[in-house]
Amino acid sequence: MKQVYFLILFIFSVGLVRAQKIDSLFFNLYTDSLKKGSWNYINVDAKLSNGSYMPLTSEQLNFKVSNGKLQGNSVWIDWEFTDDSVVVEVSLKKDVSVRKSITIWIKKKDEQLNAPLNDSLLQQINDRPKTPKKKRKN
C-alpha cells in the first residue's frame, strides 16, 4: 500500500515540476565584453514561476545577433569587426512573447595579441645572460 502512495506522490510531483512556467529571461554573462577572434558563450537563464532559475540553451531559445556568426549559444566575432557592440536578442521557442535583448560591448584591446608564444618565451629565458654566482665566504 505504501508503494502505491509513493507512486502517486511521485507522479504528482513530476506534474508540478513540469507545470513551472517561465516568467522572464536573464543574461548571465561570464565577461563584460566580447572578444574578437573567438567564440563567446552567451549564458541565458530563465526565472521560473516558483522563483528558481534554470539555464537555457539554443534548444529552448531563438537567438538573433546584430553581427557575428551564431552557433548554439555562442557568437563568433571576426577580427575585422569594427563596431563597438553587438545586440543579442533571445526569445522562447514555445512562447515568443517571452523575450529579452542586451547590448554587449566588444573588447577594444586584446593583450593576448602581443603576448609571446610559448616557444619564443622559452627562447627568451634561455637567451638571457648568465650571471655568475657569488662565492660564499666561510
N, C-alpha and C. Protein backbone atom coordinates (compact mmCIF):
# COMPACT_ATOMS: atom_id res chain seq x y z
N MET A 1 0.81 -1.18 0.00
CA MET A 1 0.00 0.00 0.00
C MET A 1 0.87 1.27 0.00
N LYS A 2 2.00 1.23 0.74
CA LYS A 2 2.89 2.37 0.79
C LYS A 2 3.47 2.66 -0.60
N GLN A 3 3.73 1.59 -1.35
CA GLN A 3 4.30 1.77 -2.68
C GLN A 3 3.33 2.53 -3.59
N VAL A 4 2.06 2.27 -3.46
CA VAL A 4 1.06 2.96 -4.27
C VAL A 4 1.03 4.45 -3.91
N TYR A 5 1.12 4.76 -2.61
CA TYR A 5 1.14 6.16 -2.20
C TYR A 5 2.38 6.87 -2.73
N PHE A 6 3.54 6.22 -2.64
CA PHE A 6 4.77 6.82 -3.15
C PHE A 6 4.70 7.02 -4.66
N LEU A 7 4.11 6.09 -5.37
CA LEU A 7 3.96 6.22 -6.81
C LEU A 7 3.06 7.40 -7.15
N ILE A 8 1.95 7.55 -6.47
CA ILE A 8 1.04 8.68 -6.70
C ILE A 8 1.73 10.00 -6.36
N LEU A 9 2.45 10.03 -5.24
CA LEU A 9 3.17 11.23 -4.85
C LEU A 9 4.23 11.59 -5.88
N PHE A 10 4.95 10.59 -6.39
CA PHE A 10 5.98 10.82 -7.41
C PHE A 10 5.36 11.39 -8.68
N ILE A 11 4.27 10.81 -9.15
CA ILE A 11 3.61 11.28 -10.37
C ILE A 11 3.11 12.71 -10.18
N PHE A 12 2.56 13.01 -9.02
CA PHE A 12 2.06 14.35 -8.73
C PHE A 12 3.21 15.36 -8.71
N SER A 13 4.34 14.99 -8.08
CA SER A 13 5.48 15.93 -8.00
C SER A 13 6.10 16.17 -9.38
N VAL A 14 6.14 15.15 -10.23
CA VAL A 14 6.65 15.33 -11.60
C VAL A 14 5.74 16.28 -12.36
N GLY A 15 4.45 16.16 -12.16
CA GLY A 15 3.50 17.07 -12.80
C GLY A 15 3.69 18.51 -12.36
N LEU A 16 4.00 18.73 -11.08
CA LEU A 16 4.24 20.08 -10.58
C LEU A 16 5.51 20.68 -11.18
N VAL A 17 6.55 19.86 -11.30
CA VAL A 17 7.81 20.35 -11.87
C VAL A 17 7.60 20.77 -13.32
N ARG A 18 6.89 19.98 -14.08
CA ARG A 18 6.63 20.32 -15.47
C ARG A 18 5.72 21.54 -15.60
N ALA A 19 4.92 21.81 -14.61
CA ALA A 19 3.97 22.91 -14.69
C ALA A 19 4.62 24.27 -14.45
N GLN A 20 5.91 24.29 -14.06
CA GLN A 20 6.57 25.57 -13.83
C GLN A 20 6.65 26.36 -15.12
N LYS A 21 6.18 27.57 -15.07
CA LYS A 21 6.14 28.44 -16.23
C LYS A 21 7.33 29.38 -16.18
N ILE A 22 7.89 29.69 -17.34
CA ILE A 22 9.00 30.64 -17.41
C ILE A 22 8.42 32.04 -17.39
N ASP A 23 8.79 32.80 -16.37
CA ASP A 23 8.30 34.17 -16.22
C ASP A 23 9.11 35.16 -17.05
N SER A 24 10.44 35.03 -16.98
CA SER A 24 11.29 36.00 -17.66
C SER A 24 12.65 35.39 -17.96
N LEU A 25 13.41 36.09 -18.79
CA LEU A 25 14.74 35.66 -19.20
C LEU A 25 15.77 36.65 -18.70
N PHE A 26 16.96 36.15 -18.38
CA PHE A 26 18.06 36.98 -17.91
C PHE A 26 19.36 36.54 -18.58
N PHE A 27 20.20 37.51 -18.93
CA PHE A 27 21.53 37.21 -19.43
C PHE A 27 22.46 37.13 -18.23
N ASN A 28 23.24 36.07 -18.18
CA ASN A 28 24.20 35.87 -17.11
C ASN A 28 25.56 35.70 -17.79
N LEU A 29 26.17 36.82 -18.17
CA LEU A 29 27.39 36.78 -18.97
C LEU A 29 28.61 36.49 -18.10
N TYR A 30 29.56 35.76 -18.68
CA TYR A 30 30.79 35.41 -17.97
C TYR A 30 31.80 36.56 -18.01
N THR A 31 31.59 37.50 -18.90
CA THR A 31 32.53 38.61 -19.06
C THR A 31 31.74 39.86 -19.40
N ASP A 32 32.39 41.01 -19.30
CA ASP A 32 31.70 42.26 -19.59
C ASP A 32 31.80 42.67 -21.04
N SER A 33 32.61 41.95 -21.84
CA SER A 33 32.76 42.29 -23.24
C SER A 33 33.06 41.03 -24.06
N LEU A 34 32.82 41.11 -25.36
CA LEU A 34 33.09 40.00 -26.27
C LEU A 34 34.48 40.17 -26.87
N LYS A 35 35.15 39.05 -27.09
CA LYS A 35 36.49 39.09 -27.67
C LYS A 35 36.42 38.78 -29.15
N LYS A 36 37.21 39.50 -29.92
CA LYS A 36 37.31 39.24 -31.35
C LYS A 36 38.15 37.98 -31.56
N GLY A 37 37.81 37.25 -32.62
CA GLY A 37 38.60 36.07 -32.97
C GLY A 37 38.38 34.87 -32.08
N SER A 38 37.23 34.81 -31.40
CA SER A 38 36.95 33.65 -30.56
C SER A 38 35.44 33.49 -30.39
N TRP A 39 35.05 32.30 -29.95
CA TRP A 39 33.64 32.04 -29.65
C TRP A 39 33.35 32.61 -28.28
N ASN A 40 32.25 33.34 -28.17
CA ASN A 40 31.82 33.95 -26.91
C ASN A 40 30.49 33.32 -26.51
N TYR A 41 30.47 32.62 -25.37
CA TYR A 41 29.26 31.93 -24.91
C TYR A 41 28.30 32.93 -24.28
N ILE A 42 27.05 32.88 -24.71
CA ILE A 42 26.01 33.76 -24.17
C ILE A 42 25.12 32.90 -23.26
N ASN A 43 25.24 33.12 -21.97
CA ASN A 43 24.51 32.34 -20.98
C ASN A 43 23.17 33.02 -20.69
N VAL A 44 22.07 32.29 -20.89
CA VAL A 44 20.74 32.83 -20.65
C VAL A 44 20.05 31.96 -19.60
N ASP A 45 19.52 32.61 -18.57
CA ASP A 45 18.79 31.91 -17.51
C ASP A 45 17.33 32.28 -17.57
N ALA A 46 16.48 31.34 -17.20
CA ALA A 46 15.05 31.58 -17.11
C ALA A 46 14.64 31.64 -15.65
N LYS A 47 13.80 32.62 -15.31
CA LYS A 47 13.23 32.67 -13.97
C LYS A 47 11.88 31.96 -14.05
N LEU A 48 11.73 30.91 -13.24
CA LEU A 48 10.50 30.12 -13.24
C LEU A 48 9.47 30.73 -12.30
N SER A 49 8.24 30.30 -12.46
CA SER A 49 7.15 30.85 -11.65
C SER A 49 7.31 30.55 -10.16
N ASN A 50 8.11 29.55 -9.80
CA ASN A 50 8.33 29.26 -8.38
C ASN A 50 9.51 30.05 -7.81
N GLY A 51 10.11 30.93 -8.63
CA GLY A 51 11.20 31.77 -8.16
C GLY A 51 12.58 31.22 -8.40
N SER A 52 12.70 29.98 -8.85
CA SER A 52 14.01 29.41 -9.11
C SER A 52 14.47 29.77 -10.53
N TYR A 53 15.75 29.55 -10.79
CA TYR A 53 16.33 29.86 -12.08
C TYR A 53 16.82 28.59 -12.76
N MET A 54 16.80 28.60 -14.09
CA MET A 54 17.23 27.44 -14.86
C MET A 54 17.97 27.93 -16.10
N PRO A 55 19.17 27.40 -16.38
CA PRO A 55 19.86 27.80 -17.61
C PRO A 55 19.16 27.23 -18.84
N LEU A 56 19.18 28.00 -19.92
CA LEU A 56 18.55 27.58 -21.17
C LEU A 56 19.60 27.52 -22.28
N THR A 57 19.33 26.69 -23.28
CA THR A 57 20.22 26.56 -24.42
C THR A 57 19.47 26.90 -25.69
N SER A 58 20.14 26.75 -26.81
CA SER A 58 19.52 27.04 -28.10
C SER A 58 18.41 26.04 -28.43
N GLU A 59 18.29 24.98 -27.65
CA GLU A 59 17.17 24.05 -27.85
C GLU A 59 15.85 24.67 -27.40
N GLN A 60 15.91 25.54 -26.39
CA GLN A 60 14.71 26.20 -25.88
C GLN A 60 14.56 27.64 -26.37
N LEU A 61 15.63 28.22 -26.93
CA LEU A 61 15.65 29.63 -27.27
C LEU A 61 15.89 29.88 -28.76
N ASN A 62 15.33 30.97 -29.26
CA ASN A 62 15.68 31.51 -30.57
C ASN A 62 16.69 32.64 -30.32
N PHE A 63 17.83 32.57 -30.99
CA PHE A 63 18.86 33.60 -30.86
C PHE A 63 18.89 34.44 -32.12
N LYS A 64 19.18 35.73 -31.94
CA LYS A 64 19.38 36.64 -33.06
C LYS A 64 20.47 37.62 -32.64
N VAL A 65 21.48 37.82 -33.50
CA VAL A 65 22.56 38.75 -33.20
C VAL A 65 22.64 39.80 -34.30
N SER A 66 23.02 41.01 -33.92
CA SER A 66 23.12 42.09 -34.90
C SER A 66 24.31 41.89 -35.83
N ASN A 67 25.33 41.20 -35.36
CA ASN A 67 26.50 40.92 -36.17
C ASN A 67 27.25 39.76 -35.55
N GLY A 68 27.95 39.00 -36.37
CA GLY A 68 28.70 37.86 -35.89
C GLY A 68 28.07 36.57 -36.37
N LYS A 69 28.77 35.49 -36.15
CA LYS A 69 28.30 34.16 -36.55
C LYS A 69 27.75 33.46 -35.32
N LEU A 70 26.58 32.89 -35.44
CA LEU A 70 25.89 32.27 -34.31
C LEU A 70 25.93 30.76 -34.44
N GLN A 71 26.31 30.08 -33.36
CA GLN A 71 26.28 28.61 -33.30
C GLN A 71 25.86 28.23 -31.88
N GLY A 72 24.63 27.73 -31.76
CA GLY A 72 24.12 27.40 -30.43
C GLY A 72 24.00 28.66 -29.60
N ASN A 73 24.58 28.63 -28.41
CA ASN A 73 24.58 29.80 -27.53
C ASN A 73 25.81 30.68 -27.72
N SER A 74 26.65 30.37 -28.70
CA SER A 74 27.91 31.08 -28.88
C SER A 74 27.89 31.98 -30.10
N VAL A 75 28.61 33.10 -29.98
CA VAL A 75 28.73 34.08 -31.06
C VAL A 75 30.21 34.23 -31.41
N TRP A 76 30.52 34.17 -32.71
CA TRP A 76 31.88 34.39 -33.20
C TRP A 76 31.97 35.82 -33.71
N ILE A 77 32.96 36.56 -33.23
CA ILE A 77 33.21 37.93 -33.67
C ILE A 77 34.50 37.92 -34.48
N ASP A 78 34.42 38.34 -35.75
CA ASP A 78 35.60 38.37 -36.61
C ASP A 78 36.61 39.40 -36.13
N TRP A 79 37.88 39.18 -36.51
CA TRP A 79 38.95 40.11 -36.17
C TRP A 79 38.71 41.48 -36.81
N GLU A 80 38.08 41.49 -37.98
CA GLU A 80 37.87 42.73 -38.73
C GLU A 80 36.64 43.51 -38.26
N PHE A 81 35.94 43.04 -37.27
CA PHE A 81 34.72 43.68 -36.78
C PHE A 81 35.06 45.08 -36.28
N THR A 82 34.33 46.10 -36.80
CA THR A 82 34.67 47.49 -36.47
C THR A 82 33.71 48.16 -35.50
N ASP A 83 32.50 47.66 -35.34
CA ASP A 83 31.55 48.27 -34.41
C ASP A 83 32.02 48.05 -32.97
N ASP A 84 31.45 48.83 -32.05
CA ASP A 84 31.87 48.70 -30.66
C ASP A 84 30.96 47.83 -29.82
N SER A 85 29.87 47.30 -30.42
CA SER A 85 28.96 46.44 -29.65
C SER A 85 28.17 45.53 -30.57
N VAL A 86 27.53 44.53 -29.96
CA VAL A 86 26.65 43.59 -30.65
C VAL A 86 25.37 43.50 -29.82
N VAL A 87 24.24 43.49 -30.51
CA VAL A 87 22.96 43.32 -29.82
C VAL A 87 22.54 41.86 -29.97
N VAL A 88 22.26 41.22 -28.83
CA VAL A 88 21.81 39.83 -28.80
C VAL A 88 20.36 39.82 -28.33
N GLU A 89 19.50 39.17 -29.11
CA GLU A 89 18.09 39.03 -28.75
C GLU A 89 17.76 37.55 -28.62
N VAL A 90 17.02 37.20 -27.57
CA VAL A 90 16.57 35.83 -27.38
C VAL A 90 15.07 35.82 -27.11
N SER A 91 14.43 34.75 -27.54
CA SER A 91 13.02 34.54 -27.22
C SER A 91 12.80 33.04 -27.04
N LEU A 92 11.79 32.71 -26.27
CA LEU A 92 11.45 31.30 -26.06
C LEU A 92 10.86 30.73 -27.35
N LYS A 93 11.24 29.51 -27.68
CA LYS A 93 10.66 28.86 -28.85
C LYS A 93 9.18 28.54 -28.63
N LYS A 94 8.81 28.19 -27.39
CA LYS A 94 7.43 27.82 -27.10
C LYS A 94 6.52 29.02 -26.88
N ASP A 95 7.10 30.18 -26.55
CA ASP A 95 6.31 31.38 -26.31
C ASP A 95 7.16 32.59 -26.69
N VAL A 96 7.08 33.03 -27.94
CA VAL A 96 7.95 34.10 -28.44
C VAL A 96 7.67 35.45 -27.78
N SER A 97 6.58 35.56 -27.02
CA SER A 97 6.32 36.81 -26.31
C SER A 97 7.27 36.98 -25.12
N VAL A 98 7.89 35.89 -24.65
CA VAL A 98 8.90 35.96 -23.59
C VAL A 98 10.23 36.16 -24.29
N ARG A 99 10.75 37.40 -24.20
CA ARG A 99 11.97 37.75 -24.92
C ARG A 99 12.80 38.71 -24.11
N LYS A 100 14.05 38.83 -24.54
CA LYS A 100 14.98 39.73 -23.85
C LYS A 100 16.08 40.08 -24.84
N SER A 101 16.63 41.29 -24.74
CA SER A 101 17.77 41.68 -25.57
C SER A 101 18.79 42.40 -24.71
N ILE A 102 20.03 42.39 -25.19
CA ILE A 102 21.12 43.03 -24.46
C ILE A 102 22.14 43.53 -25.47
N THR A 103 22.76 44.65 -25.15
CA THR A 103 23.88 45.16 -25.94
C THR A 103 25.16 44.76 -25.21
N ILE A 104 26.03 44.04 -25.92
CA ILE A 104 27.29 43.58 -25.32
C ILE A 104 28.43 44.27 -26.06
N TRP A 105 29.32 44.89 -25.32
CA TRP A 105 30.43 45.64 -25.90
C TRP A 105 31.52 44.70 -26.39
N ILE A 106 32.29 45.18 -27.34
CA ILE A 106 33.42 44.43 -27.90
C ILE A 106 34.69 44.91 -27.20
N LYS A 107 35.51 43.96 -26.83
CA LYS A 107 36.77 44.29 -26.16
C LYS A 107 37.66 45.07 -27.13
N LYS A 108 38.16 46.22 -26.68
CA LYS A 108 38.95 47.10 -27.55
C LYS A 108 40.38 46.61 -27.73
N LYS A 109 41.02 46.25 -26.63
CA LYS A 109 42.43 45.87 -26.70
C LYS A 109 42.57 44.45 -26.21
N ASP A 110 43.20 43.62 -27.01
CA ASP A 110 43.39 42.23 -26.63
C ASP A 110 44.87 42.01 -26.30
N GLU A 111 45.15 41.83 -25.02
CA GLU A 111 46.53 41.63 -24.57
C GLU A 111 47.13 40.34 -25.12
N GLN A 112 46.30 39.39 -25.49
CA GLN A 112 46.81 38.12 -25.99
C GLN A 112 47.50 38.28 -27.35
N LEU A 113 47.13 39.31 -28.10
CA LEU A 113 47.75 39.51 -29.41
C LEU A 113 49.24 39.79 -29.30
N ASN A 114 49.65 40.51 -28.25
CA ASN A 114 51.05 40.89 -28.08
C ASN A 114 51.81 39.93 -27.16
N ALA A 115 51.13 38.95 -26.63
CA ALA A 115 51.80 38.00 -25.73
C ALA A 115 52.73 37.10 -26.53
N PRO A 116 53.91 36.80 -25.98
CA PRO A 116 54.82 35.91 -26.70
C PRO A 116 54.28 34.48 -26.74
N LEU A 117 54.60 33.79 -27.81
CA LEU A 117 54.23 32.39 -27.92
C LEU A 117 55.08 31.58 -26.96
N ASN A 118 54.66 30.38 -26.65
CA ASN A 118 55.41 29.54 -25.71
C ASN A 118 56.85 29.34 -26.15
N ASP A 119 57.07 29.07 -27.43
CA ASP A 119 58.43 28.83 -27.91
C ASP A 119 59.29 30.08 -27.77
N SER A 120 58.75 31.25 -28.12
CA SER A 120 59.56 32.46 -28.04
C SER A 120 59.81 32.85 -26.58
N LEU A 121 58.88 32.58 -25.70
CA LEU A 121 59.08 32.87 -24.29
C LEU A 121 60.19 31.99 -23.72
N LEU A 122 60.18 30.71 -24.06
CA LEU A 122 61.26 29.82 -23.61
C LEU A 122 62.60 30.25 -24.19
N GLN A 123 62.59 30.71 -25.44
CA GLN A 123 63.83 31.17 -26.08
C GLN A 123 64.36 32.40 -25.35
N GLN A 124 63.48 33.30 -24.95
CA GLN A 124 63.91 34.50 -24.23
C GLN A 124 64.54 34.11 -22.89
N ILE A 125 63.98 33.14 -22.23
CA ILE A 125 64.53 32.70 -20.94
C ILE A 125 65.90 32.07 -21.14
N ASN A 126 66.04 31.26 -22.17
CA ASN A 126 67.31 30.59 -22.43
C ASN A 126 68.38 31.55 -22.92
N ASP A 127 68.00 32.63 -23.59
CA ASP A 127 68.97 33.58 -24.16
C ASP A 127 69.42 34.65 -23.18
N ARG A 128 68.81 34.76 -22.04
CA ARG A 128 69.20 35.83 -21.12
C ARG A 128 70.62 35.56 -20.61
N PRO A 129 71.34 36.62 -20.33
CA PRO A 129 72.74 36.44 -19.89
C PRO A 129 72.82 35.74 -18.54
N LYS A 130 73.79 34.91 -18.46
CA LYS A 130 74.01 34.17 -17.21
C LYS A 130 74.79 35.06 -16.25
N THR A 131 74.35 35.17 -15.06
CA THR A 131 75.05 35.94 -14.05
C THR A 131 75.91 34.98 -13.23
N PRO A 132 77.14 35.36 -13.03
CA PRO A 132 78.00 34.46 -12.24
C PRO A 132 77.53 34.40 -10.79
N LYS A 133 77.64 33.24 -10.23
CA LYS A 133 77.23 33.05 -8.85
C LYS A 133 78.34 33.59 -7.92
N LYS A 134 77.89 34.24 -6.87
CA LYS A 134 78.85 34.78 -5.90
C LYS A 134 79.36 33.65 -5.01
N LYS A 135 80.62 33.75 -4.71
CA LYS A 135 81.22 32.75 -3.83
C LYS A 135 80.91 33.12 -2.39
N ARG A 136 80.64 32.09 -1.63
CA ARG A 136 80.35 32.30 -0.21
C ARG A 136 81.64 32.39 0.58
N LYS A 137 81.68 33.31 1.50
CA LYS A 137 82.83 33.43 2.38
C LYS A 137 82.55 32.63 3.63
N ASN A 138 83.46 31.80 4.00
CA ASN A 138 83.31 30.98 5.22
C ASN A 138 83.90 31.65 6.40
